[in-house]
N, C-alpha and C. Protein backbone atom coordinates (compact mmCIF):
# COMPACT_ATOMS: atom_id res chain seq x y z
N MET A 1 21.36 -0.25 -17.76
CA MET A 1 20.45 0.48 -17.58
C MET A 1 18.90 0.12 -18.11
N ILE A 2 18.75 -1.03 -19.14
CA ILE A 2 17.82 -1.39 -19.24
C ILE A 2 17.24 -2.24 -18.20
N GLU A 3 18.21 -2.82 -17.46
CA GLU A 3 17.59 -3.63 -16.15
C GLU A 3 17.06 -2.61 -15.03
N ASN A 4 17.60 -1.60 -14.88
CA ASN A 4 17.19 -0.74 -13.80
C ASN A 4 15.89 -0.16 -14.28
N PHE A 5 15.66 0.22 -15.63
CA PHE A 5 14.68 0.81 -16.14
C PHE A 5 13.42 -0.49 -15.83
N LYS A 6 13.96 -1.59 -16.17
CA LYS A 6 12.58 -2.72 -15.62
C LYS A 6 12.35 -2.80 -14.51
N ILE A 7 13.34 -2.85 -13.34
CA ILE A 7 12.96 -2.80 -12.03
C ILE A 7 12.15 -1.75 -11.58
N THR A 8 12.43 -0.42 -12.08
CA THR A 8 11.53 0.66 -11.84
C THR A 8 10.26 0.50 -12.25
N LYS A 9 10.12 0.01 -13.66
CA LYS A 9 8.86 0.04 -14.12
C LYS A 9 7.94 -1.15 -13.29
N ALA A 10 8.69 -2.13 -12.79
CA ALA A 10 7.99 -3.32 -11.95
C ALA A 10 7.80 -2.70 -10.52
N ILE A 11 8.42 -1.71 -10.04
CA ILE A 11 8.16 -1.30 -8.84
C ILE A 11 6.78 -0.45 -8.70
N ASN A 12 6.81 0.51 -9.84
CA ASN A 12 5.52 1.47 -10.19
C ASN A 12 4.39 0.51 -10.31
N LEU A 13 4.61 -0.46 -10.97
CA LEU A 13 3.45 -1.60 -11.04
C LEU A 13 2.90 -1.96 -9.92
N ILE A 14 3.73 -2.50 -8.95
CA ILE A 14 3.61 -2.97 -7.64
C ILE A 14 2.92 -1.75 -6.69
N ILE A 15 3.49 -0.67 -6.71
CA ILE A 15 2.60 0.53 -5.99
C ILE A 15 1.26 0.55 -6.43
N SER A 16 1.22 0.90 -7.63
CA SER A 16 -0.16 0.96 -8.24
C SER A 16 -1.22 0.01 -7.81
N PHE A 17 -0.62 -1.19 -7.89
CA PHE A 17 -1.69 -2.36 -7.83
C PHE A 17 -1.80 -2.82 -6.39
N LEU A 18 -0.68 -2.83 -5.48
CA LEU A 18 -1.05 -3.21 -4.14
C LEU A 18 -0.98 -2.25 -3.16
N ILE A 19 0.04 -1.11 -3.09
CA ILE A 19 0.07 -0.35 -2.01
C ILE A 19 -1.30 0.81 -2.42
N PHE A 20 -1.02 1.36 -3.67
CA PHE A 20 -2.09 2.62 -3.64
C PHE A 20 -3.36 1.98 -4.08
N ILE A 21 -3.60 0.66 -4.28
CA ILE A 21 -5.05 0.30 -4.39
C ILE A 21 -6.00 0.55 -3.26
N SER A 22 -5.12 0.70 -2.01
CA SER A 22 -5.92 0.85 -0.89
C SER A 22 -5.62 1.57 0.24
N ILE A 23 -4.18 1.89 0.11
CA ILE A 23 -4.03 3.01 1.20
C ILE A 23 -3.49 4.51 0.57
N LEU A 24 -3.00 4.08 -0.59
CA LEU A 24 -2.35 5.55 -0.93
C LEU A 24 -3.13 5.71 -2.49
N GLN A 25 -4.36 6.06 -2.14
CA GLN A 25 -5.14 6.38 -3.49
C GLN A 25 -5.28 7.99 -3.56
N SER A 26 -4.29 8.45 -3.73
CA SER A 26 -4.17 10.02 -3.78
C SER A 26 -4.47 10.27 -5.32
N CYS A 27 -4.14 9.11 -6.14
CA CYS A 27 -4.64 9.72 -7.44
C CYS A 27 -5.97 9.81 -7.80
N ASN A 28 -6.77 9.02 -6.68
CA ASN A 28 -8.19 9.15 -6.95
C ASN A 28 -8.73 9.95 -6.23
N GLY A 29 -8.40 9.99 -4.88
CA GLY A 29 -8.82 10.96 -3.98
C GLY A 29 -10.16 10.68 -3.35
N GLN A 30 -11.02 10.44 -4.32
CA GLN A 30 -12.38 10.10 -3.74
C GLN A 30 -12.76 8.91 -3.11
N ASP A 31 -13.29 9.07 -2.02
CA ASP A 31 -13.35 7.79 -1.05
C ASP A 31 -14.98 7.19 -1.15
N LYS A 32 -14.81 5.66 -1.69
CA LYS A 32 -16.37 5.27 -1.85
C LYS A 32 -17.27 5.08 -0.44
N LYS A 33 -16.43 4.98 0.79
CA LYS A 33 -17.33 4.67 1.75
C LYS A 33 -18.35 5.78 1.96
N PRO A 34 -19.44 5.60 2.16
CA PRO A 34 -20.54 6.56 2.66
C PRO A 34 -20.82 7.33 3.68
N GLU A 35 -19.90 6.59 4.80
CA GLU A 35 -19.96 6.94 6.09
C GLU A 35 -19.33 7.90 6.55
N TYR A 36 -18.46 8.35 5.85
CA TYR A 36 -17.71 9.40 6.35
C TYR A 36 -18.18 10.65 5.97
N ASN A 37 -17.67 11.87 6.83
CA ASN A 37 -18.14 12.93 6.75
C ASN A 37 -18.06 13.77 5.20
N PRO A 38 -19.02 14.12 4.51
CA PRO A 38 -18.81 14.73 3.11
C PRO A 38 -17.70 15.67 3.03
N LYS A 39 -17.84 16.55 4.01
CA LYS A 39 -17.02 17.76 3.98
C LYS A 39 -15.57 17.40 4.27
N ALA A 40 -15.16 16.27 4.98
CA ALA A 40 -13.93 15.70 5.01
C ALA A 40 -13.73 15.15 3.73
N ILE A 41 -14.55 14.36 2.99
CA ILE A 41 -13.96 13.78 1.73
C ILE A 41 -13.69 14.72 0.81
N GLU A 42 -14.59 15.84 0.83
CA GLU A 42 -14.42 16.92 -0.05
C GLU A 42 -13.07 17.56 0.19
N MET A 43 -12.63 17.86 1.40
CA MET A 43 -11.41 18.49 1.67
C MET A 43 -10.01 17.84 1.52
N ASN A 44 -10.21 16.20 1.86
CA ASN A 44 -9.36 15.34 1.07
C ASN A 44 -9.10 15.40 -0.19
N ASN A 45 -10.14 15.38 -1.00
CA ASN A 45 -9.85 15.56 -2.64
C ASN A 45 -9.36 16.74 -3.10
N LYS A 46 -9.77 17.76 -2.34
CA LYS A 46 -8.99 19.21 -2.80
C LYS A 46 -7.60 19.09 -2.29
N ALA A 47 -7.52 18.62 -1.38
CA ALA A 47 -5.90 18.32 -0.90
C ALA A 47 -5.15 17.23 -1.90
N VAL A 48 -5.64 16.37 -2.43
CA VAL A 48 -5.13 15.47 -3.64
C VAL A 48 -4.95 16.36 -4.69
N GLN A 49 -5.73 17.46 -5.00
CA GLN A 49 -5.37 18.08 -6.19
C GLN A 49 -4.10 19.03 -5.91
N TYR A 50 -3.87 19.31 -4.77
CA TYR A 50 -2.76 20.12 -4.52
C TYR A 50 -1.54 19.56 -4.52
N ALA A 51 -1.61 17.89 -4.16
CA ALA A 51 -0.54 17.17 -4.20
C ALA A 51 -0.04 16.67 -5.48
N GLN A 52 -1.33 16.72 -6.22
CA GLN A 52 -0.72 16.38 -7.71
C GLN A 52 -0.07 17.53 -8.60
N THR A 53 -0.56 18.86 -8.32
CA THR A 53 0.31 19.98 -8.70
C THR A 53 1.71 20.42 -7.86
N PHE A 54 2.09 19.60 -7.04
CA PHE A 54 3.31 19.73 -6.17
C PHE A 54 3.16 20.72 -5.14
N LYS A 55 2.15 20.92 -4.52
CA LYS A 55 1.71 21.78 -3.70
C LYS A 55 1.59 21.06 -2.37
N GLU A 56 2.46 20.54 -1.80
CA GLU A 56 2.80 19.31 -0.67
C GLU A 56 2.12 19.98 0.36
N ASP A 57 2.69 21.20 0.85
CA ASP A 57 2.62 21.85 1.96
C ASP A 57 0.96 22.33 2.15
N SER A 58 0.37 22.73 1.03
CA SER A 58 -0.83 23.13 1.09
C SER A 58 -1.68 21.91 1.24
N ALA A 59 -1.61 20.70 0.62
CA ALA A 59 -2.40 19.55 1.03
C ALA A 59 -1.90 19.08 2.20
N LEU A 60 -1.20 19.16 2.84
CA LEU A 60 -0.92 18.42 4.22
C LEU A 60 -1.90 19.48 5.21
N ILE A 61 -2.06 20.55 4.82
CA ILE A 61 -2.71 21.48 5.77
C ILE A 61 -4.36 20.92 5.62
N LEU A 62 -4.68 20.56 4.24
CA LEU A 62 -5.86 20.34 3.90
C LEU A 62 -6.30 18.75 4.69
N TYR A 63 -5.28 18.11 4.23
CA TYR A 63 -5.50 16.48 5.05
C TYR A 63 -5.80 16.64 6.56
N ASP A 64 -4.86 17.64 7.13
CA ASP A 64 -5.23 17.82 8.47
C ASP A 64 -6.37 18.13 9.04
N LYS A 65 -7.08 19.14 8.22
CA LYS A 65 -8.44 19.78 8.27
C LYS A 65 -9.14 18.66 8.00
N ALA A 66 -9.24 18.01 7.05
CA ALA A 66 -10.08 16.54 6.69
C ALA A 66 -10.17 15.51 7.85
N ILE A 67 -9.20 15.20 8.72
CA ILE A 67 -9.10 14.46 9.70
C ILE A 67 -9.66 15.34 10.85
N GLU A 68 -9.66 16.55 11.00
CA GLU A 68 -10.42 17.57 12.08
C GLU A 68 -11.82 17.02 11.85
N LEU A 69 -12.26 17.33 10.71
CA LEU A 69 -13.54 17.29 10.26
C LEU A 69 -14.19 15.65 10.79
N ASP A 70 -13.51 14.48 10.52
CA ASP A 70 -13.79 13.16 10.70
C ASP A 70 -12.70 12.35 11.21
N ASP A 71 -12.61 12.14 12.48
CA ASP A 71 -11.24 11.53 12.86
C ASP A 71 -11.44 9.96 12.57
N THR A 72 -12.69 9.40 11.90
CA THR A 72 -12.45 8.09 11.90
C THR A 72 -12.01 7.88 10.24
N TYR A 73 -11.78 9.14 9.40
CA TYR A 73 -11.60 9.00 7.97
C TYR A 73 -10.00 8.55 7.91
N TYR A 74 -9.65 7.55 7.22
CA TYR A 74 -8.25 7.05 7.50
C TYR A 74 -7.57 7.54 5.93
N LEU A 75 -8.33 7.85 4.87
CA LEU A 75 -7.65 8.31 3.55
C LEU A 75 -6.67 9.49 3.86
N PRO A 76 -7.09 10.46 4.54
CA PRO A 76 -5.97 11.52 4.47
C PRO A 76 -4.77 11.20 5.53
N HIS A 77 -4.84 10.23 6.20
CA HIS A 77 -3.44 9.70 6.65
C HIS A 77 -2.69 9.21 5.50
N SER A 78 -3.39 8.14 4.85
CA SER A 78 -2.63 7.34 3.63
C SER A 78 -2.24 8.45 2.82
N ASN A 79 -2.75 9.55 2.23
CA ASN A 79 -2.38 10.40 1.36
C ASN A 79 -1.12 10.98 1.88
N LYS A 80 -1.18 11.22 3.20
CA LYS A 80 -0.08 12.01 3.87
C LYS A 80 1.37 11.11 3.64
N ILE A 81 1.15 9.82 4.25
CA ILE A 81 2.34 9.06 3.94
C ILE A 81 2.93 9.01 2.45
N SER A 82 2.14 9.16 1.59
CA SER A 82 3.17 9.54 0.14
C SER A 82 3.98 10.65 0.03
N ILE A 83 3.38 11.79 0.65
CA ILE A 83 4.14 12.79 0.77
C ILE A 83 5.30 12.59 1.88
N TYR A 84 5.19 12.14 2.66
CA TYR A 84 6.28 11.86 3.77
C TYR A 84 7.51 11.00 3.06
N VAL A 85 6.92 9.95 2.59
CA VAL A 85 7.91 9.10 1.86
C VAL A 85 8.69 9.74 0.85
N GLU A 86 8.15 10.47 0.14
CA GLU A 86 8.68 11.35 -1.04
C GLU A 86 9.68 12.39 -0.47
N ARG A 87 9.71 12.94 0.78
CA ARG A 87 10.53 13.73 1.40
C ARG A 87 11.82 13.01 2.46
N LYS A 88 11.43 11.72 2.45
CA LYS A 88 12.20 10.67 3.20
C LYS A 88 12.14 11.05 4.76
N GLN A 89 10.74 11.63 5.15
CA GLN A 89 10.27 11.94 6.50
C GLN A 89 10.00 10.64 7.21
N PHE A 90 10.54 9.56 7.16
CA PHE A 90 10.06 8.26 7.29
C PHE A 90 9.21 8.13 8.94
N ASP A 91 9.74 8.67 9.92
CA ASP A 91 9.29 8.67 11.22
C ASP A 91 7.80 9.23 11.09
N LYS A 92 7.57 10.45 10.32
CA LYS A 92 6.38 10.96 10.11
C LYS A 92 5.17 9.68 9.28
N ALA A 93 6.21 9.37 8.42
CA ALA A 93 5.12 8.09 7.41
C ALA A 93 4.89 7.03 8.07
N VAL A 94 5.77 6.66 9.33
CA VAL A 94 5.37 5.46 10.23
C VAL A 94 4.11 5.94 10.85
N TYR A 95 3.96 7.18 11.34
CA TYR A 95 2.90 7.34 12.66
C TYR A 95 1.97 7.53 11.49
N GLU A 96 1.67 8.03 10.47
CA GLU A 96 0.61 8.05 9.77
C GLU A 96 0.06 6.67 9.14
N SER A 97 0.88 5.69 9.11
CA SER A 97 0.59 4.34 8.65
C SER A 97 0.13 3.71 9.90
N GLU A 98 0.52 4.06 11.17
CA GLU A 98 -0.12 3.49 12.46
C GLU A 98 -1.52 4.00 12.59
N MET A 99 -1.78 5.44 12.09
CA MET A 99 -2.92 5.72 12.24
C MET A 99 -3.79 5.01 11.11
N VAL A 100 -3.09 4.69 9.99
CA VAL A 100 -4.27 4.15 9.04
C VAL A 100 -4.76 2.72 9.33
N ILE A 101 -4.11 2.09 9.98
CA ILE A 101 -4.39 0.80 10.55
C ILE A 101 -5.27 0.76 11.82
N LYS A 102 -5.00 2.00 12.73
CA LYS A 102 -5.79 2.03 13.99
C LYS A 102 -7.17 2.34 13.48
N LYS A 103 -7.33 3.10 12.48
CA LYS A 103 -8.69 3.63 11.94
C LYS A 103 -9.06 2.63 10.94
N LYS A 104 -8.63 1.71 10.50
CA LYS A 104 -9.05 0.88 9.33
C LYS A 104 -8.19 -0.46 9.86
N PRO A 105 -8.24 -1.25 10.61
CA PRO A 105 -7.41 -2.59 10.85
C PRO A 105 -7.72 -3.50 10.11
N ASP A 106 -8.99 -3.56 9.37
CA ASP A 106 -9.09 -4.75 8.41
C ASP A 106 -8.47 -4.48 7.07
N LEU A 107 -7.60 -3.44 6.98
CA LEU A 107 -6.89 -2.82 5.61
C LEU A 107 -5.69 -3.62 5.51
N ALA A 108 -5.67 -4.92 4.98
CA ALA A 108 -4.33 -5.42 4.89
C ALA A 108 -3.17 -4.76 4.23
N GLU A 109 -3.54 -4.13 3.38
CA GLU A 109 -2.50 -3.47 2.63
C GLU A 109 -1.93 -2.38 3.39
N GLY A 110 -2.71 -1.76 4.73
CA GLY A 110 -2.18 -0.97 5.31
C GLY A 110 -1.01 -1.55 6.31
N TRP A 111 -1.42 -2.79 6.65
CA TRP A 111 -0.33 -3.34 7.49
C TRP A 111 0.86 -3.92 6.62
N VAL A 112 0.73 -4.06 5.52
CA VAL A 112 1.92 -4.35 4.50
C VAL A 112 2.77 -3.39 4.42
N PHE A 113 2.24 -2.02 4.14
CA PHE A 113 3.07 -0.62 4.04
C PHE A 113 3.72 -0.36 5.22
N ALA A 114 3.02 -0.45 6.46
CA ALA A 114 3.66 -0.29 7.72
C ALA A 114 4.74 -1.07 7.87
N GLY A 115 4.71 -2.40 7.41
CA GLY A 115 5.68 -3.12 7.84
C GLY A 115 6.88 -2.96 6.81
N MET A 116 6.65 -2.57 5.57
CA MET A 116 7.71 -2.11 4.83
C MET A 116 8.66 -1.16 5.43
N LEU A 117 7.71 0.02 6.04
CA LEU A 117 8.38 1.13 6.81
C LEU A 117 9.21 0.72 7.65
N TYR A 118 8.83 -0.27 8.69
CA TYR A 118 9.57 -0.69 9.81
C TYR A 118 10.79 -1.42 9.33
N ASP A 119 10.32 -2.11 8.36
CA ASP A 119 11.73 -2.75 7.41
C ASP A 119 12.68 -1.87 7.10
N ARG A 120 12.18 -0.91 6.61
CA ARG A 120 13.20 0.21 6.01
C ARG A 120 13.95 1.08 7.45
N GLN A 121 13.26 1.08 8.34
CA GLN A 121 13.76 1.55 9.37
C GLN A 121 14.89 0.62 10.51
N GLY A 122 14.83 -0.65 9.95
CA GLY A 122 15.40 -1.52 10.73
C GLY A 122 14.98 -2.50 11.78
N GLU A 123 13.54 -2.13 11.99
CA GLU A 123 12.97 -2.74 12.93
C GLU A 123 12.25 -4.21 12.43
N THR A 124 13.05 -5.16 12.04
CA THR A 124 12.62 -6.13 11.27
C THR A 124 11.62 -7.44 11.95
N GLU A 125 11.96 -7.51 13.29
CA GLU A 125 10.76 -8.33 14.08
C GLU A 125 9.47 -7.83 14.11
N LYS A 126 9.25 -6.37 14.21
CA LYS A 126 8.30 -5.78 14.22
C LYS A 126 7.51 -5.71 12.79
N ALA A 127 8.30 -5.30 11.74
CA ALA A 127 7.50 -5.46 10.49
C ALA A 127 7.11 -7.02 10.11
N LYS A 128 7.59 -7.87 10.60
CA LYS A 128 7.37 -9.42 10.42
C LYS A 128 5.99 -9.52 10.97
N LYS A 129 5.82 -9.31 12.20
CA LYS A 129 4.32 -9.13 12.50
C LYS A 129 3.06 -8.35 11.85
N TYR A 130 3.78 -7.41 11.33
CA TYR A 130 2.82 -6.77 10.50
C TYR A 130 2.33 -7.61 9.04
N TYR A 131 3.41 -8.13 8.56
CA TYR A 131 3.29 -8.78 7.62
C TYR A 131 2.48 -9.90 7.71
N GLU A 132 2.63 -10.89 9.03
CA GLU A 132 1.71 -12.05 9.07
C GLU A 132 0.48 -11.49 9.52
N LYS A 133 0.25 -10.22 9.93
CA LYS A 133 -1.06 -9.88 10.24
C LYS A 133 -1.83 -9.48 8.92
N SER A 134 -1.12 -8.97 7.87
CA SER A 134 -1.70 -8.49 6.52
C SER A 134 -1.99 -10.06 5.82
N ILE A 135 -1.20 -10.74 5.96
CA ILE A 135 -1.51 -12.61 5.30
C ILE A 135 -2.95 -12.92 6.22
N GLU A 136 -3.15 -12.82 7.49
CA GLU A 136 -4.38 -13.51 8.14
C GLU A 136 -5.42 -12.50 7.67
N ILE A 137 -5.26 -11.03 7.32
CA ILE A 137 -6.53 -10.51 6.48
C ILE A 137 -6.75 -11.14 5.22
N PHE A 138 -5.40 -11.28 4.25
CA PHE A 138 -5.83 -11.61 2.94
C PHE A 138 -6.27 -12.93 3.08
N ASN A 139 -6.07 -13.74 4.22
CA ASN A 139 -6.65 -15.11 4.05
C ASN A 139 -8.12 -15.30 4.39
N ASP A 140 -8.52 -14.14 5.16
CA ASP A 140 -9.91 -14.00 5.39
C ASP A 140 -10.69 -13.61 4.45
N ARG A 141 -10.14 -12.62 3.67
CA ARG A 141 -10.76 -12.04 2.26
C ARG A 141 -10.98 -13.39 1.37
N ILE A 142 -9.70 -14.13 0.85
CA ILE A 142 -9.74 -15.27 0.02
C ILE A 142 -11.13 -16.31 0.16
N ALA A 143 -11.18 -16.34 1.62
CA ALA A 143 -12.07 -17.51 2.24
C ALA A 143 -13.63 -16.76 2.15
N ASN A 144 -13.67 -15.39 1.69
CA ASN A 144 -14.98 -14.68 1.94
C ASN A 144 -15.69 -15.03 0.57
N PRO A 145 -16.70 -15.76 0.83
CA PRO A 145 -17.61 -16.08 -0.58
C PRO A 145 -18.45 -14.70 -1.22
N ASP A 146 -18.32 -13.88 -0.63
CA ASP A 146 -18.71 -12.52 -1.05
C ASP A 146 -17.66 -11.52 -1.57
N LYS A 147 -16.42 -12.19 -1.83
CA LYS A 147 -15.39 -11.29 -2.43
C LYS A 147 -14.47 -12.31 -3.45
N THR A 148 -15.33 -13.00 -4.07
CA THR A 148 -14.53 -14.10 -4.98
C THR A 148 -14.12 -13.18 -6.23
N ASP A 149 -14.66 -11.86 -6.48
CA ASP A 149 -13.97 -11.01 -7.72
C ASP A 149 -12.61 -10.40 -7.43
N MET A 150 -12.33 -10.37 -6.17
CA MET A 150 -11.05 -10.13 -5.85
C MET A 150 -9.94 -10.91 -5.44
N ILE A 151 -10.17 -12.30 -5.56
CA ILE A 151 -9.49 -13.59 -5.06
C ILE A 151 -8.17 -13.34 -5.76
N SER A 152 -7.98 -13.21 -6.92
CA SER A 152 -6.92 -13.32 -7.73
C SER A 152 -5.62 -11.93 -7.04
N ALA A 153 -6.50 -10.86 -7.06
CA ALA A 153 -5.54 -9.88 -6.29
C ALA A 153 -5.36 -9.90 -4.93
N ASN A 154 -6.13 -10.71 -4.10
CA ASN A 154 -5.92 -11.10 -2.95
C ASN A 154 -4.58 -12.10 -2.56
N ARG A 155 -4.66 -13.00 -3.50
CA ARG A 155 -3.64 -14.01 -3.48
C ARG A 155 -2.27 -13.45 -4.16
N LEU A 156 -2.48 -12.57 -5.05
CA LEU A 156 -1.09 -12.22 -5.20
C LEU A 156 -0.44 -11.23 -4.36
N ASN A 157 -1.43 -10.46 -3.57
CA ASN A 157 -1.11 -9.44 -2.51
C ASN A 157 -0.64 -10.19 -1.21
N ARG A 158 -1.14 -11.30 -1.13
CA ARG A 158 -0.54 -12.29 -0.04
C ARG A 158 0.56 -13.07 -0.29
N ALA A 159 0.94 -13.28 -1.74
CA ALA A 159 1.99 -13.82 -2.08
C ALA A 159 3.18 -12.83 -1.94
N PHE A 160 2.58 -11.61 -2.11
CA PHE A 160 3.72 -10.51 -1.94
C PHE A 160 4.14 -10.27 -0.47
N SER A 161 3.13 -10.33 0.54
CA SER A 161 3.24 -10.32 2.13
C SER A 161 4.30 -11.44 2.43
N TYR A 162 4.14 -12.82 1.70
CA TYR A 162 5.00 -14.01 2.21
C TYR A 162 6.52 -13.67 1.75
N ILE A 163 6.67 -13.15 0.54
CA ILE A 163 8.09 -12.38 0.07
C ILE A 163 8.51 -11.60 1.18
N LEU A 164 7.93 -10.61 1.58
CA LEU A 164 8.44 -9.80 2.87
C LEU A 164 8.79 -10.10 4.01
N LEU A 165 8.07 -11.28 4.12
CA LEU A 165 8.06 -11.98 5.60
C LEU A 165 9.42 -12.79 5.46
N GLY A 166 9.95 -13.04 4.28
CA GLY A 166 11.15 -13.87 4.19
C GLY A 166 10.71 -15.25 3.53
N GLN A 167 9.59 -15.52 3.20
CA GLN A 167 8.98 -16.82 2.78
C GLN A 167 9.08 -16.62 1.09
N GLU A 168 10.25 -16.24 0.52
CA GLU A 168 10.27 -15.96 -1.10
C GLU A 168 9.98 -17.15 -1.51
N GLU A 169 10.29 -18.31 -1.49
CA GLU A 169 9.99 -19.60 -2.16
C GLU A 169 8.23 -19.97 -2.23
N LYS A 170 7.84 -19.45 -1.09
CA LYS A 170 6.22 -20.00 -0.88
C LYS A 170 5.46 -18.67 -1.70
N GLY A 171 6.06 -17.61 -1.30
CA GLY A 171 5.48 -16.47 -2.14
C GLY A 171 5.32 -16.43 -3.57
N LYS A 172 6.65 -17.06 -4.06
CA LYS A 172 6.73 -16.91 -5.64
C LYS A 172 6.10 -18.12 -6.26
N ALA A 173 6.07 -19.01 -5.28
CA ALA A 173 5.37 -20.40 -6.11
C ALA A 173 3.96 -20.05 -6.16
N GLU A 174 3.30 -19.24 -5.07
CA GLU A 174 1.90 -18.64 -5.60
C GLU A 174 1.90 -18.03 -6.45
N MET A 175 2.85 -16.99 -6.84
CA MET A 175 2.67 -16.00 -8.04
C MET A 175 2.89 -17.19 -9.16
N THR A 176 3.70 -18.13 -9.42
CA THR A 176 3.91 -18.93 -10.36
C THR A 176 2.38 -19.61 -10.86
N LEU A 177 1.90 -19.90 -9.62
CA LEU A 177 0.70 -20.80 -9.76
C LEU A 177 -0.38 -19.69 -10.48
N LEU A 178 -0.36 -18.60 -9.86
CA LEU A 178 -1.40 -17.48 -10.43
C LEU A 178 -1.02 -17.46 -11.89
N LYS A 179 0.33 -17.29 -12.27
CA LYS A 179 0.65 -17.02 -13.64
C LYS A 179 0.11 -18.05 -14.66
N LYS A 180 0.03 -19.33 -13.98
CA LYS A 180 -0.40 -20.43 -14.98
C LYS A 180 -1.80 -20.22 -15.17
N GLU A 181 -2.64 -19.54 -14.04
CA GLU A 181 -4.04 -19.78 -14.07
C GLU A 181 -4.53 -18.43 -15.12
N GLU A 182 -3.54 -17.44 -14.88
CA GLU A 182 -3.88 -16.27 -15.68
C GLU A 182 -2.49 -15.78 -16.47
N PRO A 183 -2.30 -16.35 -17.74
CA PRO A 183 -1.08 -16.02 -18.67
C PRO A 183 -0.92 -14.94 -19.13
N GLU A 184 -2.15 -14.20 -19.36
CA GLU A 184 -2.27 -12.63 -19.87
C GLU A 184 -1.72 -11.79 -18.75
N ASN A 185 -1.53 -11.97 -17.53
CA ASN A 185 -1.32 -11.14 -16.36
C ASN A 185 0.14 -10.67 -16.44
N ILE A 186 0.53 -9.62 -17.02
CA ILE A 186 2.10 -9.32 -17.06
C ILE A 186 2.67 -8.71 -15.71
N MET A 187 1.71 -8.46 -14.89
CA MET A 187 2.09 -7.66 -13.80
C MET A 187 2.79 -9.02 -12.84
N ILE A 188 2.27 -10.13 -12.90
CA ILE A 188 2.58 -11.24 -12.02
C ILE A 188 3.82 -11.50 -12.50
N ASP A 189 4.18 -11.52 -13.84
CA ASP A 189 5.75 -11.52 -14.33
C ASP A 189 6.62 -10.41 -13.73
N GLU A 190 6.35 -9.24 -13.59
CA GLU A 190 7.06 -8.17 -12.63
C GLU A 190 7.56 -8.57 -11.55
N PHE A 191 6.28 -9.04 -10.91
CA PHE A 191 6.34 -9.44 -9.14
C PHE A 191 7.60 -10.48 -9.11
N LEU A 192 7.72 -11.54 -10.05
CA LEU A 192 8.49 -12.61 -10.04
C LEU A 192 9.88 -12.25 -10.18
N LYS A 193 10.28 -11.14 -10.93
CA LYS A 193 11.48 -10.77 -11.50
C LYS A 193 12.40 -9.97 -10.46
N ILE A 194 11.71 -9.50 -9.28
CA ILE A 194 12.53 -8.77 -8.22
C ILE A 194 12.26 -9.24 -6.97
N SER A 195 13.26 -8.95 -6.25
CA SER A 195 13.54 -9.34 -4.58
C SER A 195 12.83 -8.50 -3.76
N LYS A 196 12.90 -9.00 -2.43
CA LYS A 196 12.36 -7.86 -1.22
C LYS A 196 13.09 -6.96 -1.23
N GLU A 197 14.72 -6.83 -1.34
CA GLU A 197 15.21 -5.77 -1.18
C GLU A 197 14.88 -4.65 -2.50
N ASP A 198 14.68 -5.36 -3.64
CA ASP A 198 14.11 -4.43 -4.78
C ASP A 198 12.76 -3.68 -4.24
N TYR A 199 12.02 -4.39 -3.89
CA TYR A 199 10.59 -3.68 -3.50
C TYR A 199 10.73 -2.78 -2.64
N ILE A 200 11.58 -3.03 -1.47
CA ILE A 200 11.69 -1.85 -0.39
C ILE A 200 12.44 -0.97 -0.77
N ASN A 201 13.89 -0.93 -1.25
CA ASN A 201 14.57 -0.14 -1.96
C ASN A 201 14.06 1.11 -2.78
N GLN A 202 13.34 0.42 -3.96
CA GLN A 202 12.68 1.40 -4.85
C GLN A 202 11.91 1.84 -4.68
N ILE A 203 10.89 1.46 -3.64
CA ILE A 203 9.55 2.13 -3.21
C ILE A 203 10.08 3.48 -2.27
N PHE A 204 10.92 3.00 -1.46
CA PHE A 204 11.53 4.49 -0.88
C PHE A 204 12.59 5.23 -1.50
N GLY A 205 12.88 4.92 -2.68
CA GLY A 205 13.73 5.64 -3.32
C GLY A 205 15.22 5.74 -3.00
N GLU A 206 15.63 4.48 -2.43
CA GLU A 206 16.86 4.29 -2.12
C GLU A 206 17.68 3.41 -2.96
């Protein structure tokens, strides 16, 4: 029982740190990108409020309206994913994930989550290509001198992608190195405790 609690706690940390940080920001709602239609942002944020009070059907309607107002706006698709995953409507979640990376192809976390969905659906080879793409983007971020404040987060995310790709030794070696550099970061400890199967099964409630 205690071990199961620890795994669940770890997965919650992973979701909040890795996935929800960029693609499932339903808790925050507000998108910081100024180029999106303000009305679409307002509609998305209102939908988030509905989702937070378990009015998912109403939320889905407003997310779709936000998309109609601005077809470049990726966050409503991201927020729809969380509802579809909770409902175990994985085909719909896959579609929305594809829309996220179509509209924001530089979002590494989007490629990661889409890959996890394909892994869950048994499309392992396709999932691998998505993890590889995420690693490519994480590498670009890490090498970018304008993003030095996010290096640790991107290194941890990249390590996570290596584990999902099946290169667990490489991924956990990077995490271990990060832990030495940041001994107070307990989140790294949680990442190190669980396997790829734990990540995917717990995130999708299986």
